[in-house]
């Protein structure tokens, strides 16, 4: 089985940070994702995760998202997920976490969420 790869790219738009994720989020790359998102939560009032190109997420990836959400809330910041494909949506639904995260369908809506 090949190593799953996650590409992380960061864009700052207005007063928000958009984090574009491509690939798979798993035990191997969750620590890098966590470090990146923790850093962004500290420097931006809104962090929006573009999940449209995430094809796979495992329990460690979900745990990372929850940790980042908690850090954002503790810091009075917003974390928004957008563009969820079936792989991510189904996992969040199965784990009853859809209602825990702020989930919208587009980058524009994610940016509006900061208002």
Protein backbone atom coordinates (compact mmCIF):
# COMPACT_ATOMS: atom_id res chain seq x y z
CA UNK A 1 0.00 0.00 0.00
CA UNK A 2 1.43 3.38 -1.00
CA UNK A 3 2.01 6.17 1.43
CA UNK A 4 -0.87 8.59 1.53
CA UNK A 5 0.08 12.15 0.70
CA UNK A 6 -1.45 15.38 1.96
CA UNK A 7 -0.66 18.69 0.30
CA UNK A 8 -1.29 21.79 2.41
CA UNK A 9 -1.31 25.26 0.90
CA UNK A 10 -2.22 28.43 2.73
CA UNK A 11 -3.75 31.63 1.36
CA UNK A 12 -4.57 34.76 3.31
CA UNK A 13 -7.74 36.45 2.05
CA UNK A 14 -9.08 39.62 3.69
CA UNK A 15 -9.08 38.85 7.42
CA UNK A 16 -9.21 35.10 6.95
CA UNK A 17 -6.82 32.26 6.23
CA UNK A 18 -7.84 29.65 3.67
CA UNK A 19 -6.09 26.30 3.97
CA UNK A 20 -6.40 24.19 0.83
CA UNK A 21 -6.00 20.49 1.54
CA UNK A 22 -5.40 17.92 -1.20
CA UNK A 23 -5.07 14.16 -0.76
CA UNK A 24 -5.53 12.09 2.37
CA UNK A 25 -5.46 12.95 6.07
CA UNK A 26 -4.16 10.06 8.16
CA UNK A 27 -1.96 9.10 11.08
CA UNK A 28 1.20 9.78 9.07
CA UNK A 29 0.46 13.39 8.18
CA UNK A 30 -1.94 14.51 10.93
CA UNK A 31 0.91 15.97 13.07
CA UNK A 32 2.01 18.26 10.24
CA UNK A 33 -1.58 19.34 9.61
CA UNK A 34 -2.11 19.97 13.34
CA UNK A 35 1.03 22.11 13.59
CA UNK A 36 0.08 24.13 10.49
CA UNK A 37 -3.48 24.74 11.66
CA UNK A 38 -2.49 25.58 15.26
CA UNK A 39 -0.13 28.22 13.89
CA UNK A 40 -2.83 29.65 11.59
CA UNK A 41 -5.45 29.77 14.35
CA UNK A 42 -3.08 31.94 16.38
CA UNK A 43 -2.56 34.46 13.59
CA UNK A 44 -6.02 34.69 11.97
CA UNK A 45 -9.52 35.32 13.31
CA UNK A 46 -11.00 32.88 10.78
CA UNK A 47 -9.43 29.72 9.43
CA UNK A 48 -11.36 28.04 6.61
CA UNK A 49 -10.39 24.55 5.50
CA UNK A 50 -10.99 23.74 1.86
CA UNK A 51 -11.78 20.02 1.99
CA UNK A 52 -12.94 19.64 -1.64
CA UNK A 53 -9.84 17.66 -2.68
CA UNK A 54 -9.60 15.49 0.44
CA UNK A 55 -10.24 11.92 -0.69
CA UNK A 56 -9.69 10.13 2.63
CA UNK A 57 -9.65 10.94 6.33
CA UNK A 58 -9.07 8.52 9.21
CA UNK A 59 -9.71 8.78 12.95
CA UNK A 60 -6.43 10.57 13.61
CA UNK A 61 -7.39 13.17 11.00
CA UNK A 62 -10.77 13.66 12.67
CA UNK A 63 -9.02 13.94 16.06
CA UNK A 64 -6.73 16.61 14.61
CA UNK A 65 -9.71 18.62 13.33
CA UNK A 66 -11.35 18.40 16.75
CA UNK A 67 -8.15 19.56 18.49
CA UNK A 68 -7.87 22.51 16.12
CA UNK A 69 -11.56 23.37 16.63
CA UNK A 70 -11.05 23.36 20.41
CA UNK A 71 -7.95 25.56 20.09
CA UNK A 72 -9.87 27.96 17.84
CA UNK A 73 -12.76 28.19 20.31
CA UNK A 74 -10.41 28.66 23.25
CA UNK A 75 -8.78 31.51 21.32
CA UNK A 76 -12.17 33.01 20.32
CA UNK A 77 -11.43 32.28 16.65
CA UNK A 78 -13.55 30.66 13.95
CA UNK A 79 -12.84 27.38 12.17
CA UNK A 80 -14.99 26.62 9.13
CA UNK A 81 -14.92 23.59 6.83
CA UNK A 82 -16.08 23.90 3.24
CA UNK A 83 -16.31 21.84 0.08
CA UNK A 84 -16.68 18.51 1.87
CA UNK A 85 -16.60 15.60 -0.55
CA UNK A 86 -18.37 12.30 0.19
CA UNK A 87 -15.33 10.77 1.94
CA UNK A 88 -15.11 13.51 4.57
CA UNK A 89 -18.84 14.18 4.81
CA UNK A 90 -19.65 10.52 5.45
CA UNK A 91 -17.02 10.17 8.17
CA UNK A 92 -18.25 13.33 9.94
CA UNK A 93 -21.84 12.13 9.65
CA UNK A 94 -21.04 8.63 10.95
CA UNK A 95 -19.17 10.08 13.93
CA UNK A 96 -21.99 12.57 14.66
CA UNK A 97 -19.58 15.47 14.19
CA UNK A 98 -21.35 17.29 11.34
CA UNK A 99 -23.12 19.48 13.89
CA UNK A 100 -19.93 20.13 15.85
CA UNK A 101 -18.11 21.85 13.00
CA UNK A 102 -19.28 24.89 11.10
CA UNK A 103 -19.72 23.44 7.59
CA UNK A 104 -20.56 25.51 4.50
CA UNK A 105 -20.56 24.72 0.79
CA UNK A 106 -18.25 27.38 -0.64
CA UNK A 107 -15.26 29.60 0.07
CA UNK A 108 -17.49 32.68 -0.21
CA UNK A 109 -19.81 31.32 2.51
CA UNK A 110 -16.81 30.42 4.66
CA UNK A 111 -15.55 34.01 4.45
CA UNK A 112 -19.04 35.30 5.31
CA UNK A 113 -18.99 33.12 8.44
CA UNK A 114 -16.51 35.49 10.07
CA UNK A 115 -19.00 38.34 10.21
